[in-house]
Amino acid sequence: MLPIVQISLDLTNIDEALETAALAMRAGVDWLEAGTPLILAEGLNGVKQLRKAFPNTPIVADLKTMDGGYLEAEMMAKAGATHVVVMARAHEETIKCVVKAGHDFG
């Protein structure tokens, strides 16, 4: 199995993030990460815009979830994320809820 290359779009402006993502995709990146700064600055719109621009590319939403796992994962999935990040130190129930949301929303 070949390694997966992911770029973290830790930017605060969606236009810069889209430009960087396009450059990264041309360079051969496999996955795009909506970094925490992008999600804080742009909210769900950041993920939606990435999905619109890159409809077939896996998108990781780096939420660093500690609680509210199901709801946060659901929101990101509906915005177009294919993966979310939950913190390893989160309560076990939070992790289970994120996994359940992953199954429920693909």
Protein backbone atom coordinates (compact mmCIF):
# COMPACT_ATOMS: atom_id res chain seq x y z
CA MET A 1 0.00 0.00 0.00
CA LEU A 2 1.35 3.42 -0.93
CA PRO A 3 1.40 6.18 1.67
CA ILE A 4 -1.34 8.81 1.60
CA VAL A 5 -0.18 12.40 1.32
CA GLN A 6 -2.36 14.97 3.06
CA ILE A 7 -1.94 18.74 3.14
CA SER A 8 -3.15 20.71 6.13
CA LEU A 9 -4.81 23.92 5.03
CA ASP A 10 -4.07 25.84 8.23
CA LEU A 11 -5.10 29.14 6.69
CA THR A 12 -7.72 31.69 7.70
CA ASN A 13 -8.95 32.70 4.26
CA ILE A 14 -10.95 30.40 1.99
CA ASP A 15 -9.53 31.90 -1.20
CA GLU A 16 -5.97 31.22 -0.03
CA ALA A 17 -7.00 27.74 1.08
CA LEU A 18 -8.55 26.95 -2.31
CA GLU A 19 -5.49 28.25 -4.15
CA THR A 20 -3.15 26.24 -1.92
CA ALA A 21 -5.33 23.14 -2.29
CA ALA A 22 -5.28 23.43 -6.09
CA LEU A 23 -1.49 23.74 -6.08
CA ALA A 24 -1.22 20.75 -3.74
CA MET A 25 -3.52 18.64 -5.90
CA ARG A 26 -1.44 19.44 -8.98
CA ALA A 27 1.62 18.32 -7.00
CA GLY A 28 -0.02 14.97 -6.26
CA VAL A 29 -1.55 15.33 -2.79
CA ASP A 30 -4.16 12.66 -2.00
CA TRP A 31 -6.19 14.26 0.81
CA LEU A 32 -7.05 17.81 1.82
CA GLU A 33 -7.33 18.84 5.44
CA ALA A 34 -9.55 21.73 6.46
CA GLY A 35 -7.27 22.80 9.28
CA THR A 36 -8.49 24.14 12.59
CA PRO A 37 -7.68 27.79 11.69
CA LEU A 38 -9.69 27.47 8.46
CA ILE A 39 -12.66 25.95 10.27
CA LEU A 40 -12.53 28.64 12.96
CA ALA A 41 -12.32 31.44 10.38
CA GLU A 42 -14.69 30.09 7.72
CA GLY A 43 -16.89 27.60 9.57
CA LEU A 44 -18.83 25.01 7.60
CA ASN A 45 -18.46 27.18 4.51
CA GLY A 46 -14.75 26.35 4.36
CA VAL A 47 -15.50 22.64 4.10
CA LYS A 48 -18.36 23.25 1.66
CA GLN A 49 -16.13 25.32 -0.63
CA LEU A 50 -13.39 22.69 -0.58
CA ARG A 51 -15.95 20.00 -1.44
CA LYS A 52 -17.35 22.12 -4.28
CA ALA A 53 -13.89 22.71 -5.74
CA PHE A 54 -12.63 19.14 -5.19
CA PRO A 55 -15.67 16.84 -5.44
CA ASN A 56 -13.72 13.57 -5.56
CA THR A 57 -11.00 14.29 -3.00
CA PRO A 58 -11.10 13.07 0.60
CA ILE A 59 -11.44 16.03 2.98
CA VAL A 60 -10.42 15.81 6.62
CA ALA A 61 -12.05 18.28 9.02
CA ASP A 62 -9.51 18.88 11.79
CA LEU A 63 -11.99 19.76 14.52
CA LYS A 64 -9.99 18.30 17.39
CA THR A 65 -13.29 17.16 18.88
CA MET A 66 -13.40 16.65 22.64
CA ASP A 67 -17.18 16.58 23.15
CA GLY A 68 -20.33 16.87 21.08
CA GLY A 69 -18.83 14.24 18.83
CA TYR A 70 -21.88 13.03 16.94
CA LEU A 71 -23.23 16.50 16.15
CA GLU A 72 -19.86 17.89 15.05
CA ALA A 73 -19.12 14.88 12.86
CA GLU A 74 -22.63 15.04 11.36
CA MET A 75 -22.27 18.74 10.56
CA MET A 76 -18.89 18.24 8.88
CA ALA A 77 -20.12 15.21 6.93
CA LYS A 78 -23.11 17.15 5.64
CA ALA A 79 -20.75 19.99 4.65
CA GLY A 80 -18.67 17.54 2.61
CA ALA A 81 -15.95 16.20 4.90
CA THR A 82 -15.09 12.54 4.50
CA HIS A 83 -13.08 12.35 7.74
CA VAL A 84 -12.99 14.21 11.07
CA VAL A 85 -10.40 14.39 13.83
CA VAL A 86 -11.36 13.46 17.38
CA MET A 87 -8.80 13.88 20.16
CA ALA A 88 -7.39 10.68 21.65
CA ARG A 89 -7.90 12.17 25.14
CA ALA A 90 -11.62 12.67 24.48
CA HIS A 91 -14.01 10.65 26.62
CA GLU A 92 -14.59 7.16 25.27
CA GLU A 93 -18.28 7.97 24.71
CA THR A 94 -17.30 10.93 22.51
CA ILE A 95 -15.08 8.70 20.40
CA LYS A 96 -17.89 6.13 20.07
CA CYS A 97 -20.30 8.88 19.00
CA VAL A 98 -17.90 10.10 16.31
CA VAL A 99 -17.50 6.53 15.03
CA LYS A 100 -21.29 6.11 14.97
CA ALA A 101 -21.68 9.35 13.01
CA GLY A 102 -19.03 8.10 10.60
CA HIS A 103 -21.07 4.98 9.99
CA ASP A 104 -24.34 6.90 9.76
CA PHE A 105 -23.06 9.51 7.32
CA GLY A 106 -20.54 7.43 5.37
